Protein backbone atom coordinates (compact mmCIF):
# COMPACT_ATOMS: atom_id res chain seq x y z
CA MET A 1 -48.78 -67.70 28.27
CA ILE A 2 -46.44 -64.71 28.25
CA ARG A 3 -48.45 -61.56 28.91
CA ILE A 4 -45.72 -58.97 29.35
CA ALA A 5 -42.92 -57.76 27.14
CA ALA A 6 -39.90 -60.00 27.07
CA VAL A 7 -36.35 -59.75 25.86
CA LEU A 8 -36.47 -61.23 22.40
CA ALA A 9 -33.88 -63.81 21.74
CA LEU A 10 -32.79 -65.31 18.53
CA VAL A 11 -34.85 -67.31 16.65
CA LEU A 12 -34.84 -68.59 13.18
CA ALA A 13 -31.77 -69.63 11.14
CA ALA A 14 -31.99 -69.93 7.41
CA THR A 15 -33.54 -73.32 6.78
CA ALA A 16 -34.35 -72.99 3.08
CA THR A 17 -32.92 -71.03 0.20
CA ALA A 18 -35.23 -72.01 -2.67
CA GLN A 19 -38.70 -73.28 -3.39
CA THR A 20 -38.87 -76.87 -2.21
CA GLY A 21 -42.37 -77.89 -3.25
CA GLY A 22 -45.73 -76.94 -1.95
CA SER A 23 -47.35 -73.69 -3.13
CA GLN A 24 -45.11 -71.09 -4.72
CA GLN A 25 -44.46 -67.92 -2.71
CA THR A 26 -43.37 -64.59 -4.10
CA VAL A 27 -42.10 -61.44 -2.48
CA ARG A 28 -43.41 -57.96 -3.27
CA GLN A 29 -41.83 -54.79 -1.85
CA VAL A 30 -44.48 -52.43 -0.52
CA LYS A 31 -42.44 -49.66 1.09
CA PRO A 32 -38.88 -49.24 2.34
CA ASN A 33 -38.22 -52.19 4.68
CA LEU A 34 -41.75 -53.51 4.18
CA PHE A 35 -42.57 -56.50 2.01
CA VAL A 36 -45.46 -58.96 1.43
CA VAL A 37 -44.97 -62.65 0.75
CA GLU A 38 -47.84 -63.93 -1.41
CA GLY A 39 -49.02 -67.49 -1.97
CA ALA A 40 -49.61 -70.64 0.11
CA GLY A 41 -52.53 -69.11 1.96
CA GLY A 42 -52.91 -65.60 3.26
CA ASN A 43 -50.41 -62.87 2.73
CA THR A 44 -47.43 -62.71 5.12
CA THR A 45 -46.19 -59.19 5.87
CA LEU A 46 -42.43 -58.83 6.41
CA TRP A 47 -40.98 -55.85 8.29
CA VAL A 48 -37.18 -55.41 8.31
CA SER A 49 -35.44 -53.51 11.09
CA ASN A 50 -31.78 -53.36 12.09
CA HIS A 51 -32.65 -55.55 15.10
CA GLY A 52 -34.47 -58.29 13.26
CA LEU A 53 -37.60 -59.22 11.32
CA ILE A 54 -41.28 -59.14 12.17
CA LEU A 55 -43.79 -61.24 10.27
CA VAL A 56 -47.58 -60.92 10.21
CA ASP A 57 -49.36 -64.28 9.59
CA ASP A 58 -47.68 -67.52 8.56
CA LYS A 59 -49.77 -69.26 5.86
CA ILE A 60 -51.22 -72.75 5.46
CA ALA A 61 -49.61 -75.45 7.58
CA GLY A 62 -46.97 -77.76 6.11
CA ALA A 63 -43.22 -78.26 6.13
CA GLU A 64 -42.87 -77.23 2.49
CA ASN A 65 -44.97 -74.12 2.93
CA PHE A 66 -42.91 -73.23 6.03
CA ASP A 67 -39.61 -73.83 4.22
CA ASN A 68 -40.74 -71.74 1.26
CA LEU A 69 -41.78 -68.95 3.54
CA VAL A 70 -38.41 -68.98 5.23
CA ALA A 71 -36.71 -69.03 1.82
CA ALA A 72 -38.81 -66.02 0.73
CA VAL A 73 -37.91 -64.15 3.91
CA ARG A 74 -34.22 -65.03 3.44
CA SER A 75 -34.31 -63.59 -0.09
CA VAL A 76 -34.89 -60.26 1.61
CA SER A 77 -32.77 -60.48 4.79
CA ASP A 78 -30.60 -62.83 6.82
CA LEU A 79 -31.54 -61.13 10.08
CA PRO A 80 -33.34 -63.29 12.71
CA VAL A 81 -37.10 -63.41 12.81
CA ARG A 82 -38.05 -61.88 16.17
CA ALA A 83 -41.81 -62.33 16.15
CA VAL A 84 -44.86 -63.46 14.17
CA PHE A 85 -48.16 -61.71 14.66
CA ASN A 86 -51.43 -63.60 14.03
CA THR A 87 -54.25 -61.43 12.68
CA HIS A 88 -57.08 -63.96 13.20
CA ARG A 89 -57.85 -67.64 13.58
CA HIS A 90 -58.27 -68.83 9.98
CA PHE A 91 -56.10 -71.78 8.99
CA ASP A 92 -54.41 -69.99 6.10
CA HIS A 93 -53.02 -67.32 8.46
CA VAL A 94 -51.85 -69.37 11.48
CA GLY A 95 -50.87 -72.66 9.93
CA ASN A 96 -47.16 -72.57 10.78
CA ASN A 97 -47.37 -71.23 14.31
CA ALA A 98 -46.00 -74.52 15.63
CA ALA A 99 -42.93 -74.41 13.40
CA PHE A 100 -42.11 -70.85 14.43
CA LEU A 101 -42.65 -71.63 18.10
CA ALA A 102 -40.36 -74.66 17.81
CA ALA A 103 -37.70 -72.34 16.32
CA GLY A 104 -37.98 -70.03 19.38
CA VAL A 105 -39.91 -67.28 17.69
CA LEU A 106 -42.49 -65.33 19.67
CA VAL A 107 -45.99 -65.75 18.23
CA ILE A 108 -48.26 -62.87 19.19
CA GLY A 109 -52.08 -62.65 18.97
CA THR A 110 -55.19 -61.78 20.90
CA ASP A 111 -56.15 -63.68 24.04
CA THR A 112 -59.38 -64.80 22.38
CA LEU A 113 -57.42 -66.18 19.40
CA ALA A 114 -55.06 -68.06 21.70
CA THR A 115 -57.96 -69.56 23.62
CA ASP A 116 -59.73 -70.64 20.43
CA LEU A 117 -56.63 -72.25 18.88
CA ALA A 118 -55.75 -74.04 22.12
CA ARG A 119 -59.30 -75.38 22.33
CA GLN A 120 -58.75 -76.94 18.90
CA ASP A 121 -55.34 -78.36 19.96
CA LYS A 122 -53.65 -76.04 17.48
CA ALA A 123 -50.46 -74.05 18.15
CA ALA A 124 -51.53 -70.82 19.86
CA PRO A 125 -49.70 -67.52 20.42
CA ASN A 126 -47.39 -67.55 23.40
CA LEU A 127 -47.60 -63.79 23.93
CA VAL A 128 -51.16 -62.47 24.04
CA PHE A 129 -52.90 -59.13 24.34
CA SER A 130 -56.54 -58.06 24.70
CA ARG A 131 -56.58 -54.72 22.86
CA ASP A 132 -53.21 -53.03 22.13
CA PHE A 133 -49.64 -54.28 21.98
CA SER A 134 -46.42 -52.62 20.69
CA LEU A 135 -43.19 -54.31 19.69
CA ILE A 136 -40.36 -51.82 19.45
CA LEU A 137 -37.15 -52.58 17.56
CA ASP A 138 -34.14 -50.41 16.71
CA THR A 139 -35.49 -48.90 13.51
CA GLY A 140 -39.17 -48.83 14.08
CA ARG A 141 -42.13 -50.36 15.87
CA ALA A 142 -45.13 -52.56 15.18
CA ASP A 143 -48.39 -51.67 16.90
CA ALA A 144 -51.09 -54.30 17.10
CA HIS A 145 -54.72 -53.37 17.78
CA HIS A 146 -57.84 -55.40 18.38
CA TYR A 147 -60.86 -53.15 18.32
CA ARG A 148 -63.83 -55.53 18.32
CA ALA A 149 -65.28 -58.49 16.50
CA GLY A 150 -65.49 -58.07 12.75
CA HIS A 151 -64.47 -60.68 10.20
CA THR A 152 -64.03 -63.01 13.18
CA ALA A 153 -64.13 -62.55 16.96
CA ASP A 154 -60.41 -61.93 17.24
CA ASP A 155 -59.32 -59.75 14.32
CA ALA A 156 -56.10 -57.78 14.88
CA ILE A 157 -54.30 -55.30 12.68
CA VAL A 158 -50.58 -54.47 12.83
CA VAL A 159 -49.48 -50.89 12.09
CA PHE A 160 -45.98 -49.94 11.00
CA PRO A 161 -46.01 -46.20 11.86
CA SER A 162 -42.63 -45.34 10.37
CA VAL A 163 -43.86 -46.23 6.87
CA HIS A 164 -47.57 -45.41 7.39
CA ALA A 165 -48.69 -48.95 6.57
CA VAL A 166 -51.01 -51.46 8.17
CA ALA A 167 -51.39 -55.25 7.86
CA LEU A 168 -55.13 -55.83 7.73
CA GLY A 169 -55.63 -59.58 7.97
CA GLY A 170 -59.10 -60.60 6.81
CA LEU A 171 -60.66 -57.20 7.47
CA VAL A 172 -60.15 -56.09 3.85
CA VAL A 173 -60.16 -58.37 0.80
CA SER A 174 -59.97 -57.64 -2.89
CA GLY A 175 -62.79 -60.02 -3.82
CA THR A 176 -65.75 -61.54 -2.03
CA PRO A 177 -65.54 -61.37 1.76
CA THR A 178 -66.23 -64.24 4.14
CA PHE A 179 -68.72 -63.48 6.90
CA ASP A 180 -67.59 -66.05 9.48
CA PHE A 181 -70.42 -65.78 11.96
CA GLU A 182 -69.45 -69.25 13.31
CA SER A 183 -66.16 -67.69 14.44
CA GLY A 184 -67.81 -64.67 16.08
CA ALA A 185 -68.09 -62.30 13.10
CA ASN A 186 -70.04 -59.10 13.56
CA LEU A 187 -70.95 -57.02 10.50
CA ALA A 188 -71.60 -53.79 12.42
CA GLY A 189 -68.31 -54.30 14.29
CA TRP A 190 -66.45 -54.91 11.02
CA VAL A 191 -67.70 -51.56 9.64
CA ALA A 192 -66.80 -49.77 12.88
CA THR A 193 -63.28 -51.28 12.82
CA LEU A 194 -62.70 -50.07 9.28
CA GLU A 195 -63.79 -46.63 10.41
CA ASP A 196 -61.15 -46.80 13.17
CA ILE A 197 -58.49 -47.90 10.66
CA LEU A 198 -59.35 -44.93 8.46
CA GLN A 199 -58.54 -42.65 11.43
CA LEU A 200 -54.99 -43.97 11.53
CA ASP A 201 -52.06 -42.27 9.85
CA VAL A 202 -51.62 -44.92 7.19
CA ASP A 203 -51.68 -44.65 3.41
CA ILE A 204 -51.34 -48.31 2.37
CA GLY A 205 -52.70 -51.62 3.69
CA ILE A 206 -51.68 -55.22 3.18
CA PRO A 207 -54.87 -57.32 3.03
CA GLY A 208 -55.22 -60.97 4.02
CA ARG A 209 -55.07 -61.89 0.33
CA GLY A 210 -54.44 -59.95 -2.79
CA LYS A 211 -52.37 -56.85 -3.63
CA PRO A 212 -51.81 -53.90 -1.29
CA VAL A 213 -54.67 -51.46 -0.94
CA THR A 214 -54.93 -47.70 -0.61
CA ARG A 215 -57.00 -45.72 1.91
CA ALA A 216 -59.54 -45.21 -0.90
CA ASP A 217 -59.74 -49.01 -1.31
CA ILE A 218 -60.34 -49.48 2.38
CA ALA A 219 -63.08 -46.84 2.33
CA ALA A 220 -64.70 -48.43 -0.68
CA PHE A 221 -64.72 -51.86 0.96
CA ARG A 222 -66.28 -50.32 4.06
CA ASP A 223 -68.95 -48.78 1.90
CA SER A 224 -69.68 -52.16 0.30
CA LEU A 225 -70.13 -53.73 3.78
CA VAL A 226 -72.48 -50.89 4.73
CA THR A 227 -74.54 -51.49 1.59
CA PHE A 228 -74.68 -55.22 2.19
CA GLN A 229 -75.70 -54.70 5.78
CA ALA A 230 -78.50 -52.28 4.83
CA ARG A 231 -79.81 -54.64 2.14
CA SER A 232 -79.85 -57.55 4.54
CA VAL A 233 -81.73 -55.55 7.20
CA ALA A 234 -84.20 -54.39 4.58
CA ALA A 235 -84.77 -57.98 3.37
CA VAL A 236 -85.57 -59.16 6.91
CA GLN A 237 -87.89 -56.20 7.43
CA ARG A 238 -89.70 -57.13 4.20
CA GLY A 239 -90.40 -60.54 5.64
CA VAL A 240 -87.89 -62.58 3.66
CA PRO A 241 -87.47 -65.90 5.52
CA GLN A 242 -84.08 -66.93 6.83
CA SER A 243 -83.73 -69.72 4.25
CA LYS A 244 -84.03 -67.23 1.38
CA LEU A 245 -82.06 -64.31 2.88
CA ILE A 246 -78.85 -64.74 0.90
CA ALA A 247 -80.66 -65.00 -2.42
CA ALA A 248 -82.64 -61.88 -1.58
CA VAL A 249 -79.63 -59.68 -0.98
CA ARG A 250 -78.10 -58.32 -4.17
CA VAL A 251 -74.24 -58.33 -4.25
CA ASP A 252 -73.26 -58.49 -7.95
CA ASP A 253 -73.01 -54.69 -8.15
CA LEU A 254 -70.54 -54.87 -5.23
CA GLY A 255 -68.28 -57.14 -7.28
CA TRP A 256 -69.08 -60.12 -5.05
CA ALA A 257 -70.16 -63.64 -5.99
CA TRP A 258 -70.93 -66.37 -3.45
CA SER A 259 -69.41 -69.80 -3.82
CA PRO A 260 -71.71 -72.80 -3.07
CA ALA A 261 -69.98 -73.21 0.31
CA ALA A 262 -70.04 -69.53 1.27
CA TRP A 263 -73.19 -69.62 3.39
CA PRO A 264 -73.67 -72.78 5.50
CA PRO A 265 -76.78 -72.70 7.73
CA ALA A 266 -74.94 -71.45 10.79
CA ARG A 267 -73.52 -68.53 8.83
CA VAL A 268 -76.93 -67.59 7.41
CA ALA A 269 -78.39 -67.76 10.93
CA GLY A 270 -75.72 -65.29 12.13
CA LEU A 271 -76.51 -62.77 9.43
CA TRP A 272 -80.21 -63.28 10.02
CA ARG A 273 -79.92 -62.47 13.72
CA GLU A 274 -77.69 -59.47 13.15
CA SER A 275 -80.17 -58.15 10.55
CA GLY A 276 -82.98 -58.23 13.04
CA GLY A 277 -84.43 -61.68 12.39
CA LYS A 278 -86.18 -63.42 15.26
């Protein structure tokens, strides 16, 4: 794997100009030169510089989803895609890594993410970092940071300092969060990472799914996680057994609602352990 900065060569020609099937994707402008492509999985952030384009996350796998993503990007700019950042391991954020790699695009992510994807025989980033990485283009830079485990073991954010914006991956969501303890989630770490993000000079965030969020939204989501964490710890301390922990922790006032598949046994066990269960 490439572990040092490299000269970035061209990359991706326009391979689609319209929706060709698959899930529809739409483009929303967030700030000057910053866009989000919604649909077909997680959000894809698009940063436009004079030197080329940077994407963050690349949606659910599939030729049609890839073609539609390229078409959405081409509706904004014909410049080459220089790099794709992966924010975390979930399938709806890394599904088209292989297609971008085949086109000669750098795919960038944490070393733990690359190891996990390679272990699953999935296309992994070919440029990796452990904590911080900056990609500098003519009209701005993208700064990636991995603070600690949170939503998963390998969460990364990507900051665009010139427009005071951050791509958040799965660390902030507009609805009910997923606590993926099977993939190394850590609730205390998640809260601490959001505290670190709130120390950055950013005023808008692009979440893994949903519309852009403000600093106040990020702080409110952090507060919800803190409340959930405190309630889970309190339930364990009251003697609630592991099998009944999820039912014992109130979340409706947080605006959350669990789906039937939200808490498989391994996920409940992770929350139980982090809440002090033995």
